[in-house]
Amino acid sequence: MATGAPATPDGDYADGEYSADGEYGTQDSSIGVSLTLDNGVITEAEVESHATNQTSRDFQERFADAAPELVVGQDIDDVDLDRVAGSSGTPDGFNDAIRKIKEEASQ
């Protein structure tokens, strides 16, 4: 859900708060991402684990603790996380959520 001004015609992102679930892996895994954009820069970020399996939940929770520090202050177009806090799959879900947020913020 977005709040804020509509995007400008030159492709900039609308300021506001956005949330999306990112999908990854082969077992329908997902992770929730909420962030705030200001002039295309991420000013706040939160990651929510959706895993029910204990091992997956552990990876997602470690990722959720580490990821905001890596993206806050970054231009959303520059964010593309790889292995974070020992998790190699969860970043794919995070990047998928970022892609969805970029689509929503540019409308």
PDB file of N, CA and C in Angstrom:
ATOM      1  N   MET A   1       0.844  -1.171   0.000  1.00  0.00           N
ATOM      2  CA  MET A   1       0.000   0.000   0.000  1.00  0.00           C
ATOM      3  C   MET A   1       0.884   1.228   0.000  1.00  0.00           C
ATOM      4  N   ALA A   2       0.611   2.160  -0.853  1.00  0.00           N
ATOM      5  CA  ALA A   2       1.430   3.355  -0.983  1.00  0.00           C
ATOM      6  C   ALA A   2       0.683   4.560  -0.451  1.00  0.00           C
ATOM      7  N   THR A   3       1.460   5.448   0.139  1.00  0.00           N
ATOM      8  CA  THR A   3       0.941   6.750   0.516  1.00  0.00           C
ATOM      9  C   THR A   3       1.926   7.769  -0.002  1.00  0.00           C
ATOM     10  N   GLY A   4       1.454   8.910  -0.412  1.00  0.00           N
ATOM     11  CA  GLY A   4       2.369   9.931  -0.904  1.00  0.00           C
ATOM     12  C   GLY A   4       1.928  10.444  -2.251  1.00  0.00           C
ATOM     13  N   ALA A   5       2.749  11.314  -2.796  1.00  0.00           N
ATOM     14  CA  ALA A   5       2.448  11.965  -4.074  1.00  0.00           C
ATOM     15  C   ALA A   5       2.587  10.980  -5.219  1.00  0.00           C
ATOM     16  N   PRO A   6       1.863  11.198  -6.318  1.00  0.00           N
ATOM     17  CA  PRO A   6       2.013  10.314  -7.475  1.00  0.00           C
ATOM     18  C   PRO A   6       3.398  10.471  -8.097  1.00  0.00           C
ATOM     19  N   ALA A   7       3.821   9.436  -8.787  1.00  0.00           N
ATOM     20  CA  ALA A   7       5.137   9.471  -9.426  1.00  0.00           C
ATOM     21  C   ALA A   7       5.163  10.517 -10.530  1.00  0.00           C
ATOM     22  N   THR A   8       6.330  11.086 -10.727  1.00  0.00           N
ATOM     23  CA  THR A   8       6.486  12.069 -11.782  1.00  0.00           C
ATOM     24  C   THR A   8       6.692  11.359 -13.117  1.00  0.00           C
ATOM     25  N   PRO A   9       6.391  12.033 -14.238  1.00  0.00           N
ATOM     26  CA  PRO A   9       6.476  11.382 -15.545  1.00  0.00           C
ATOM     27  C   PRO A   9       7.880  10.932 -15.941  1.00  0.00           C
ATOM     28  N   ASP A  10       8.939  11.447 -15.315  1.00  0.00           N
ATOM     29  CA  ASP A  10      10.291  11.079 -15.727  1.00  0.00           C
ATOM     30  C   ASP A  10      10.770   9.768 -15.109  1.00  0.00           C
ATOM     31  N   GLY A  11       9.866   9.017 -14.450  1.00  0.00           N
ATOM     32  CA  GLY A  11      10.228   7.711 -13.918  1.00  0.00           C
ATOM     33  C   GLY A  11      10.685   7.732 -12.484  1.00  0.00           C
ATOM     34  N   ASP A  12      10.669   8.869 -11.826  1.00  0.00           N
ATOM     35  CA  ASP A  12      11.024   8.909 -10.416  1.00  0.00           C
ATOM     36  C   ASP A  12       9.998   8.117  -9.617  1.00  0.00           C
ATOM     37  N   TYR A  13      10.368   7.783  -8.404  1.00  0.00           N
ATOM     38  CA  TYR A  13       9.470   7.045  -7.526  1.00  0.00           C
ATOM     39  C   TYR A  13       8.742   8.009  -6.604  1.00  0.00           C
ATOM     40  N   ALA A  14       7.479   7.718  -6.371  1.00  0.00           N
ATOM     41  CA  ALA A  14       6.684   8.532  -5.457  1.00  0.00           C
ATOM     42  C   ALA A  14       7.152   8.291  -4.031  1.00  0.00           C
ATOM     43  N   ASP A  15       7.292   9.365  -3.282  1.00  0.00           N
ATOM     44  CA  ASP A  15       7.614   9.244  -1.867  1.00  0.00           C
ATOM     45  C   ASP A  15       6.472   8.528  -1.169  1.00  0.00           C
ATOM     46  N   GLY A  16       6.778   7.783  -0.138  1.00  0.00           N
ATOM     47  CA  GLY A  16       5.729   7.143   0.637  1.00  0.00           C
ATOM     48  C   GLY A  16       6.179   5.847   1.271  1.00  0.00           C
ATOM     49  N   GLU A  17       5.220   5.175   1.867  1.00  0.00           N
ATOM     50  CA  GLU A  17       5.443   3.894   2.527  1.00  0.00           C
ATOM     51  C   GLU A  17       4.899   2.790   1.633  1.00  0.00           C
ATOM     52  N   TYR A  18       5.690   1.730   1.479  1.00  0.00           N
ATOM     53  CA  TYR A  18       5.338   0.627   0.595  1.00  0.00           C
ATOM     54  C   TYR A  18       5.595  -0.703   1.294  1.00  0.00           C
ATOM     55  N   SER A  19       4.814  -1.697   0.920  1.00  0.00           N
ATOM     56  CA  SER A  19       4.997  -3.057   1.428  1.00  0.00           C
ATOM     57  C   SER A  19       4.763  -4.043   0.304  1.00  0.00           C
ATOM     58  N   ALA A  20       5.522  -5.137   0.317  1.00  0.00           N
ATOM     59  CA  ALA A  20       5.336  -6.203  -0.661  1.00  0.00           C
ATOM     60  C   ALA A  20       5.896  -7.494  -0.086  1.00  0.00           C
ATOM     61  N   ASP A  21       5.357  -8.598  -0.548  1.00  0.00           N
ATOM     62  CA  ASP A  21       5.903  -9.912  -0.233  1.00  0.00           C
ATOM     63  C   ASP A  21       6.748 -10.360  -1.402  1.00  0.00           C
ATOM     64  N   GLY A  22       7.937 -10.819  -1.105  1.00  0.00           N
ATOM     65  CA  GLY A  22       8.824 -11.331  -2.141  1.00  0.00           C
ATOM     66  C   GLY A  22       8.860 -12.843  -2.105  1.00  0.00           C
ATOM     67  N   GLU A  23       8.757 -13.447  -3.273  1.00  0.00           N
ATOM     68  CA  GLU A  23       8.752 -14.906  -3.412  1.00  0.00           C
ATOM     69  C   GLU A  23      10.148 -15.384  -3.815  1.00  0.00           C
ATOM     70  N   TYR A  24      10.503 -16.582  -3.351  1.00  0.00           N
ATOM     71  CA  TYR A  24      11.783 -17.161  -3.747  1.00  0.00           C
ATOM     72  C   TYR A  24      11.767 -18.658  -3.485  1.00  0.00           C
ATOM     73  N   GLY A  25      12.735 -19.328  -4.080  1.00  0.00           N
ATOM     74  CA  GLY A  25      12.915 -20.757  -3.842  1.00  0.00           C
ATOM     75  C   GLY A  25      11.883 -21.613  -4.541  1.00  0.00           C
ATOM     76  N   THR A  26      11.952 -22.900  -4.249  1.00  0.00           N
ATOM     77  CA  THR A  26      11.080 -23.865  -4.905  1.00  0.00           C
ATOM     78  C   THR A  26       9.953 -24.347  -4.004  1.00  0.00           C
ATOM     79  N   GLN A  27       9.896 -23.876  -2.772  1.00  0.00           N
ATOM     80  CA  GLN A  27       8.875 -24.350  -1.842  1.00  0.00           C
ATOM     81  C   GLN A  27       7.937 -23.218  -1.425  1.00  0.00           C
ATOM     82  N   ASP A  28       7.635 -22.330  -2.352  1.00  0.00           N
ATOM     83  CA  ASP A  28       6.725 -21.214  -2.091  1.00  0.00           C
ATOM     84  C   ASP A  28       7.118 -20.408  -0.861  1.00  0.00           C
ATOM     85  N   SER A  29       8.391 -20.118  -0.736  1.00  0.00           N
ATOM     86  CA  SER A  29       8.871 -19.309   0.374  1.00  0.00           C
ATOM     87  C   SER A  29       8.640 -17.841   0.066  1.00  0.00           C
ATOM     88  N   SER A  30       8.380 -17.056   1.114  1.00  0.00           N
ATOM     89  CA  SER A  30       8.200 -15.617   0.921  1.00  0.00           C
ATOM     90  C   SER A  30       8.672 -14.877   2.165  1.00  0.00           C
ATOM     91  N   ILE A  31       8.910 -13.597   1.957  1.00  0.00           N
ATOM     92  CA  ILE A  31       9.331 -12.712   3.035  1.00  0.00           C
ATOM     93  C   ILE A  31       8.671 -11.358   2.796  1.00  0.00           C
ATOM     94  N   GLY A  32       8.278 -10.701   3.867  1.00  0.00           N
ATOM     95  CA  GLY A  32       7.630  -9.397   3.750  1.00  0.00           C
ATOM     96  C   GLY A  32       8.632  -8.267   3.880  1.00  0.00           C
ATOM     97  N   VAL A  33       8.465  -7.252   3.055  1.00  0.00           N
ATOM     98  CA  VAL A  33       9.338  -6.080   3.098  1.00  0.00           C
ATOM     99  C   VAL A  33       8.462  -4.834   3.141  1.00  0.00           C
ATOM    100  N   SER A  34       8.737  -3.973   4.105  1.00  0.00           N
ATOM    101  CA  SER A  34       8.088  -2.667   4.204  1.00  0.00           C
ATOM    102  C   SER A  34       9.182  -1.625   4.226  1.00  0.00           C
ATOM    103  N   LEU A  35       8.971  -0.554   3.470  1.00  0.00           N
ATOM    104  CA  LEU A  35       9.981   0.497   3.467  1.00  0.00           C
ATOM    105  C   LEU A  35       9.352   1.846   3.176  1.00  0.00           C
ATOM    106  N   THR A  36      10.116   2.873   3.461  1.00  0.00           N
ATOM    107  CA  THR A  36       9.722   4.249   3.178  1.00  0.00           C
ATOM    108  C   THR A  36      10.704   4.816   2.173  1.00  0.00           C
ATOM    109  N   LEU A  37      10.158   5.460   1.139  1.00  0.00           N
ATOM    110  CA  LEU A  37      10.977   6.101   0.104  1.00  0.00           C
ATOM    111  C   LEU A  37      10.872   7.616   0.217  1.00  0.00           C
ATOM    112  N   ASP A  38      11.996   8.287   0.045  1.00  0.00           N
ATOM    113  CA  ASP A  38      12.051   9.745  -0.027  1.00  0.00           C
ATOM    114  C   ASP A  38      13.035  10.087  -1.143  1.00  0.00           C
ATOM    115  N   ASN A  39      12.519  10.625  -2.253  1.00  0.00           N
ATOM    116  CA  ASN A  39      13.343  10.933  -3.425  1.00  0.00           C
ATOM    117  C   ASN A  39      14.103   9.711  -3.933  1.00  0.00           C
ATOM    118  N   GLY A  40      13.453   8.545  -3.877  1.00  0.00           N
ATOM    119  CA  GLY A  40      14.066   7.318  -4.364  1.00  0.00           C
ATOM    120  C   GLY A  40      15.029   6.670  -3.392  1.00  0.00           C
ATOM    121  N   VAL A  41      15.222   7.264  -2.221  1.00  0.00           N
ATOM    122  CA  VAL A  41      16.136   6.735  -1.218  1.00  0.00           C
ATOM    123  C   VAL A  41      15.320   6.040  -0.123  1.00  0.00           C
ATOM    124  N   ILE A  42      15.773   4.872   0.277  1.00  0.00           N
ATOM    125  CA  ILE A  42      15.113   4.131   1.349  1.00  0.00           C
ATOM    126  C   ILE A  42      15.499   4.777   2.678  1.00  0.00           C
ATOM    127  N   THR A  43      14.507   5.294   3.396  1.00  0.00           N
ATOM    128  CA  THR A  43      14.781   5.959   4.672  1.00  0.00           C
ATOM    129  C   THR A  43      14.429   5.079   5.864  1.00  0.00           C
ATOM    130  N   GLU A  44      13.581   4.091   5.665  1.00  0.00           N
ATOM    131  CA  GLU A  44      13.236   3.112   6.699  1.00  0.00           C
ATOM    132  C   GLU A  44      12.984   1.789   6.014  1.00  0.00           C
ATOM    133  N   ALA A  45      13.313   0.697   6.695  1.00  0.00           N
ATOM    134  CA  ALA A  45      13.070  -0.628   6.126  1.00  0.00           C
ATOM    135  C   ALA A  45      12.806  -1.620   7.248  1.00  0.00           C
ATOM    136  N   GLU A  46      11.885  -2.535   6.969  1.00  0.00           N
ATOM    137  CA  GLU A  46      11.570  -3.602   7.911  1.00  0.00           C
ATOM    138  C   GLU A  46      11.319  -4.872   7.103  1.00  0.00           C
ATOM    139  N   VAL A  47      11.805  -5.985   7.610  1.00  0.00           N
ATOM    140  CA  VAL A  47      11.639  -7.271   6.956  1.00  0.00           C
ATOM    141  C   VAL A  47      10.936  -8.202   7.922  1.00  0.00           C
ATOM    142  N   GLU A  48       9.938  -8.927   7.404  1.00  0.00           N
ATOM    143  CA  GLU A  48       9.138  -9.830   8.233  1.00  0.00           C
ATOM    144  C   GLU A  48       9.240 -11.256   7.715  1.00  0.00           C
ATOM    145  N   SER A  49       9.578 -12.166   8.590  1.00  0.00           N
ATOM    146  CA  SER A  49       9.654 -13.577   8.242  1.00  0.00           C
ATOM    147  C   SER A  49       8.254 -14.154   8.085  1.00  0.00           C
ATOM    148  N   HIS A  50       8.075 -14.954   7.034  1.00  0.00           N
ATOM    149  CA  HIS A  50       6.820 -15.676   6.822  1.00  0.00           C
ATOM    150  C   HIS A  50       7.007 -17.182   6.979  1.00  0.00           C
ATOM    151  N   ALA A  51       8.215 -17.617   7.249  1.00  0.00           N
ATOM    152  CA  ALA A  51       8.523 -19.049   7.275  1.00  0.00           C
ATOM    153  C   ALA A  51       7.840 -19.750   8.441  1.00  0.00           C
ATOM    154  N   THR A  52       7.437 -20.988   8.203  1.00  0.00           N
ATOM    155  CA  THR A  52       6.871 -21.826   9.257  1.00  0.00           C
ATOM    156  C   THR A  52       7.843 -22.933   9.653  1.00  0.00           C
ATOM    157  N   ASN A  53       8.711 -23.330   8.748  1.00  0.00           N
ATOM    158  CA  ASN A  53       9.750 -24.307   9.026  1.00  0.00           C
ATOM    159  C   ASN A  53      10.827 -23.648   9.889  1.00  0.00           C
ATOM    160  N   GLN A  54      11.253 -24.314  10.949  1.00  0.00           N
ATOM    161  CA  GLN A  54      12.206 -23.720  11.901  1.00  0.00           C
ATOM    162  C   GLN A  54      13.515 -23.294  11.236  1.00  0.00           C
ATOM    163  N   THR A  55      14.081 -24.125  10.372  1.00  0.00           N
ATOM    164  CA  THR A  55      15.345 -23.775   9.722  1.00  0.00           C
ATOM    165  C   THR A  55      15.169 -22.543   8.844  1.00  0.00           C
ATOM    166  N   SER A  56      14.116 -22.528   8.039  1.00  0.00           N
ATOM    167  CA  SER A  56      13.856 -21.367   7.181  1.00  0.00           C
ATOM    168  C   SER A  56      13.606 -20.119   8.015  1.00  0.00           C
ATOM    169  N   ARG A  57      12.854 -20.273   9.093  1.00  0.00           N
ATOM    170  CA  ARG A  57      12.568 -19.124   9.958  1.00  0.00           C
ATOM    171  C   ARG A  57      13.861 -18.550  10.537  1.00  0.00           C
ATOM    172  N   ASP A  58      14.786 -19.429  10.957  1.00  0.00           N
ATOM    173  CA  ASP A  58      16.068 -18.957  11.492  1.00  0.00           C
ATOM    174  C   ASP A  58      16.825 -18.129  10.457  1.00  0.00           C
ATOM    175  N   PHE A  59      16.901 -18.629   9.213  1.00  0.00           N
ATOM    176  CA  PHE A  59      17.576 -17.880   8.157  1.00  0.00           C
ATOM    177  C   PHE A  59      16.875 -16.549   7.898  1.00  0.00           C
ATOM    178  N   GLN A  60      15.538 -16.574   7.800  1.00  0.00           N
ATOM    179  CA  GLN A  60      14.791 -15.349   7.526  1.00  0.00           C
ATOM    180  C   GLN A  60      14.937 -14.339   8.660  1.00  0.00           C
ATOM    181  N   GLU A  61      14.925 -14.798   9.892  1.00  0.00           N
ATOM    182  CA  GLU A  61      15.044 -13.860  11.013  1.00  0.00           C
ATOM    183  C   GLU A  61      16.430 -13.233  11.079  1.00  0.00           C
ATOM    184  N   ARG A  62      17.463 -14.012  10.796  1.00  0.00           N
ATOM    185  CA  ARG A  62      18.816 -13.428  10.752  1.00  0.00           C
ATOM    186  C   ARG A  62      18.915 -12.414   9.622  1.00  0.00           C
ATOM    187  N   PHE A  63      18.341 -12.762   8.468  1.00  0.00           N
ATOM    188  CA  PHE A  63      18.322 -11.839   7.347  1.00  0.00           C
ATOM    189  C   PHE A  63      17.559 -10.569   7.718  1.00  0.00           C
ATOM    190  N   ALA A  64      16.390 -10.730   8.344  1.00  0.00           N
ATOM    191  CA  ALA A  64      15.539  -9.592   8.717  1.00  0.00           C
ATOM    192  C   ALA A  64      16.256  -8.646   9.668  1.00  0.00           C
ATOM    193  N   ASP A  65      17.105  -9.183  10.525  1.00  0.00           N
ATOM    194  CA  ASP A  65      17.867  -8.339  11.447  1.00  0.00           C
ATOM    195  C   ASP A  65      18.967  -7.559  10.727  1.00  0.00           C
ATOM    196  N   ALA A  66      19.566  -8.162   9.710  1.00  0.00           N
ATOM    197  CA  ALA A  66      20.721  -7.559   9.033  1.00  0.00           C
ATOM    198  C   ALA A  66      20.360  -6.656   7.858  1.00  0.00           C
ATOM    199  N   ALA A  67      19.316  -6.974   7.118  1.00  0.00           N
ATOM    200  CA  ALA A  67      19.023  -6.290   5.856  1.00  0.00           C
ATOM    201  C   ALA A  67      18.744  -4.791   5.988  1.00  0.00           C
ATOM    202  N   PRO A  68      17.946  -4.343   6.958  1.00  0.00           N
ATOM    203  CA  PRO A  68      17.666  -2.902   7.012  1.00  0.00           C
ATOM    204  C   PRO A  68      18.933  -2.044   7.083  1.00  0.00           C
ATOM    205  N   GLU A  69      19.905  -2.482   7.826  1.00  0.00           N
ATOM    206  CA  GLU A  69      21.164  -1.736   7.944  1.00  0.00           C
ATOM    207  C   GLU A  69      21.874  -1.609   6.592  1.00  0.00           C
ATOM    208  N   LEU A  70      21.667  -2.594   5.720  1.00  0.00           N
ATOM    209  CA  LEU A  70      22.326  -2.594   4.415  1.00  0.00           C
ATOM    210  C   LEU A  70      21.628  -1.712   3.387  1.00  0.00           C
ATOM    211  N   VAL A  71      20.326  -1.432   3.578  1.00  0.00           N
ATOM    212  CA  VAL A  71      19.583  -0.718   2.548  1.00  0.00           C
ATOM    213  C   VAL A  71      19.147   0.688   2.929  1.00  0.00           C
ATOM    214  N   VAL A  72      19.014   0.978   4.217  1.00  0.00           N
ATOM    215  CA  VAL A  72      18.607   2.325   4.617  1.00  0.00           C
ATOM    216  C   VAL A  72      19.695   3.309   4.207  1.00  0.00           C
ATOM    217  N   GLY A  73      19.271   4.369   3.528  1.00  0.00           N
ATOM    218  CA  GLY A  73      20.201   5.371   3.017  1.00  0.00           C
ATOM    219  C   GLY A  73      20.619   5.109   1.579  1.00  0.00           C
ATOM    220  N   GLN A  74      20.187   3.978   1.012  1.00  0.00           N
ATOM    221  CA  GLN A  74      20.548   3.612  -0.358  1.00  0.00           C
ATOM    222  C   GLN A  74      19.439   4.005  -1.333  1.00  0.00           C
ATOM    223  N   ASP A  75      19.837   4.368  -2.546  1.00  0.00           N
ATOM    224  CA  ASP A  75      18.873   4.565  -3.621  1.00  0.00           C
ATOM    225  C   ASP A  75      18.260   3.211  -3.937  1.00  0.00           C
ATOM    226  N   ILE A  76      16.941   3.151  -4.068  1.00  0.00           N
ATOM    227  CA  ILE A  76      16.271   1.871  -4.298  1.00  0.00           C
ATOM    228  C   ILE A  76      16.765   1.187  -5.567  1.00  0.00           C
ATOM    229  N   ASP A  77      17.197   1.949  -6.562  1.00  0.00           N
ATOM    230  CA  ASP A  77      17.711   1.358  -7.798  1.00  0.00           C
ATOM    231  C   ASP A  77      19.066   0.684  -7.596  1.00  0.00           C
ATOM    232  N   ASP A  78      19.755   1.000  -6.512  1.00  0.00           N
ATOM    233  CA  ASP A  78      21.064   0.406  -6.237  1.00  0.00           C
ATOM    234  C   ASP A  78      20.987  -0.815  -5.338  1.00  0.00           C
ATOM    235  N   VAL A  79      19.801  -1.150  -4.844  1.00  0.00           N
ATOM    236  CA  VAL A  79      19.644  -2.251  -3.895  1.00  0.00           C
ATOM    237  C   VAL A  79      19.467  -3.564  -4.650  1.00  0.00           C
ATOM    238  N   ASP A  80      20.382  -4.494  -4.397  1.00  0.00           N
ATOM    239  CA  ASP A  80      20.325  -5.841  -4.954  1.00  0.00           C
ATOM    240  C   ASP A  80      21.154  -6.720  -4.025  1.00  0.00           C
ATOM    241  N   LEU A  81      20.498  -7.283  -3.008  1.00  0.00           N
ATOM    242  CA  LEU A  81      21.225  -8.038  -2.000  1.00  0.00           C
ATOM    243  C   LEU A  81      21.545  -9.446  -2.471  1.00  0.00           C
ATOM    244  N   ASP A  82      22.672  -9.942  -1.986  1.00  0.00           N
ATOM    245  CA  ASP A  82      23.122 -11.295  -2.268  1.00  0.00           C
ATOM    246  C   ASP A  82      23.113 -12.036  -0.928  1.00  0.00           C
ATOM    247  N   ARG A  83      24.071 -12.855  -0.654  1.00  0.00           N
ATOM    248  CA  ARG A  83      24.128 -13.590   0.612  1.00  0.00           C
ATOM    249  C   ARG A  83      24.229 -12.586   1.774  1.00  0.00           C
ATOM    250  N   VAL A  84      23.310 -12.725   2.742  1.00  0.00           N
ATOM    251  CA  VAL A  84      23.275 -11.842   3.907  1.00  0.00           C
ATOM    252  C   VAL A  84      23.042 -12.702   5.140  1.00  0.00           C
ATOM    253  N   ALA A  85      23.855 -12.526   6.157  1.00  0.00           N
ATOM    254  CA  ALA A  85      23.713 -13.224   7.443  1.00  0.00           C
ATOM    255  C   ALA A  85      23.601 -14.739   7.256  1.00  0.00           C
ATOM    256  N   GLY A  86      24.356 -15.272   6.298  1.00  0.00           N
ATOM    257  CA  GLY A  86      24.374 -16.700   6.062  1.00  0.00           C
ATOM    258  C   GLY A  86      23.229 -17.212   5.206  1.00  0.00           C
ATOM    259  N   SER A  87      22.353 -16.331   4.778  1.00  0.00           N
ATOM    260  CA  SER A  87      21.201 -16.738   3.979  1.00  0.00           C
ATOM    261  C   SER A  87      21.440 -16.425   2.514  1.00  0.00           C
ATOM    262  N   SER A  88      21.318 -17.447   1.671  1.00  0.00           N
ATOM    263  CA  SER A  88      21.507 -17.230   0.243  1.00  0.00           C
ATOM    264  C   SER A  88      20.194 -17.175  -0.516  1.00  0.00           C
ATOM    265  N   GLY A  89      19.115 -17.742   0.016  1.00  0.00           N
ATOM    266  CA  GLY A  89      17.830 -17.724  -0.665  1.00  0.00           C
ATOM    267  C   GLY A  89      16.978 -16.526  -0.309  1.00  0.00           C
ATOM    268  N   THR A  90      16.968 -16.159   0.947  1.00  0.00           N
ATOM    269  CA  THR A  90      16.121 -15.059   1.405  1.00  0.00           C
ATOM    270  C   THR A  90      16.389 -13.755   0.656  1.00  0.00           C
ATOM    271  N   PRO A  91      17.636 -13.414   0.330  1.00  0.00           N
ATOM    272  CA  PRO A  91      17.854 -12.189  -0.445  1.00  0.00           C
ATOM    273  C   PRO A  91      17.111 -12.182  -1.779  1.00  0.00           C
ATOM    274  N   ASP A  92      16.918 -13.347  -2.384  1.00  0.00           N
ATOM    275  CA  ASP A  92      16.155 -13.400  -3.634  1.00  0.00           C
ATOM    276  C   ASP A  92      14.717 -12.938  -3.398  1.00  0.00           C
ATOM    277  N   GLY A  93      14.137 -13.348  -2.282  1.00  0.00           N
ATOM    278  CA  GLY A  93      12.792 -12.894  -1.931  1.00  0.00           C
ATOM    279  C   GLY A  93      12.762 -11.415  -1.643  1.00  0.00           C
ATOM    280  N   PHE A  94      13.782 -10.919  -0.960  1.00  0.00           N
ATOM    281  CA  PHE A  94      13.881  -9.489  -0.668  1.00  0.00           C
ATOM    282  C   PHE A  94      13.969  -8.695  -1.970  1.00  0.00           C
ATOM    283  N   ASN A  95      14.826  -9.146  -2.877  1.00  0.00           N
ATOM    284  CA  ASN A  95      14.983  -8.449  -4.159  1.00  0.00           C
ATOM    285  C   ASN A  95      13.691  -8.480  -4.973  1.00  0.00           C
ATOM    286  N   ASP A  96      12.932  -9.579  -4.877  1.00  0.00           N
ATOM    287  CA  ASP A  96      11.645  -9.664  -5.556  1.00  0.00           C
ATOM    288  C   ASP A  96      10.673  -8.635  -4.974  1.00  0.00           C
ATOM    289  N   ALA A  97      10.667  -8.498  -3.648  1.00  0.00           N
ATOM    290  CA  ALA A  97       9.800  -7.495  -3.012  1.00  0.00           C
ATOM    291  C   ALA A  97      10.221  -6.088  -3.419  1.00  0.00           C
ATOM    292  N   ILE A  98      11.503  -5.823  -3.505  1.00  0.00           N
ATOM    293  CA  ILE A  98      11.996  -4.505  -3.938  1.00  0.00           C
ATOM    294  C   ILE A  98      11.522  -4.220  -5.364  1.00  0.00           C
ATOM    295  N   ARG A  99      11.577  -5.223  -6.239  1.00  0.00           N
ATOM    296  CA  ARG A  99      11.102  -5.054  -7.619  1.00  0.00           C
ATOM    297  C   ARG A  99       9.619  -4.674  -7.629  1.00  0.00           C
ATOM    298  N   LYS A 100       8.821  -5.353  -6.827  1.00  0.00           N
ATOM    299  CA  LYS A 100       7.388  -5.061  -6.758  1.00  0.00           C
ATOM    300  C   LYS A 100       7.135  -3.652  -6.212  1.00  0.00           C
ATOM    301  N   ILE A 101       7.909  -3.258  -5.212  1.00  0.00           N
ATOM    302  CA  ILE A 101       7.759  -1.917  -4.634  1.00  0.00           C
ATOM    303  C   ILE A 101       8.138  -0.860  -5.661  1.00  0.00           C
ATOM    304  N   LYS A 102       9.208  -1.094  -6.428  1.00  0.00           N
ATOM    305  CA  LYS A 102       9.599  -0.144  -7.465  1.00  0.00           C
ATOM    306  C   LYS A 102       8.491   0.017  -8.502  1.00  0.00           C
ATOM    307  N   GLU A 103       7.856  -1.086  -8.881  1.00  0.00           N
ATOM    308  CA  GLU A 103       6.746  -1.002  -9.830  1.00  0.00           C
ATOM    309  C   GLU A 103       5.605  -0.166  -9.265  1.00  0.00           C
ATOM    310  N   GLU A 104       5.260  -0.421  -8.016  1.00  0.00           N
ATOM    311  CA  GLU A 104       4.158   0.324  -7.398  1.00  0.00           C
ATOM    312  C   GLU A 104       4.499   1.796  -7.239  1.00  0.00           C
ATOM    313  N   ALA A 105       5.718   2.085  -6.835  1.00  0.00           N
ATOM    314  CA  ALA A 105       6.125   3.474  -6.578  1.00  0.00           C
ATOM    315  C   ALA A 105       6.282   4.283  -7.852  1.00  0.00           C
ATOM    316  N   SER A 106       6.414   3.618  -8.993  1.00  0.00           N
ATOM    317  CA  SER A 106       6.588   4.352 -10.249  1.00  0.00           C
ATOM    318  C   SER A 106       5.274   4.578 -10.975  1.00  0.00           C
ATOM    319  N   GLN A 107       4.170   4.084 -10.444  1.00  0.00           N
ATOM    320  CA  GLN A 107       2.867   4.256 -11.107  1.00  0.00           C
ATOM    321  C   GLN A 107       2.263   5.592 -10.831  1.00  0.00           C
TER     322      GLN A 107
END
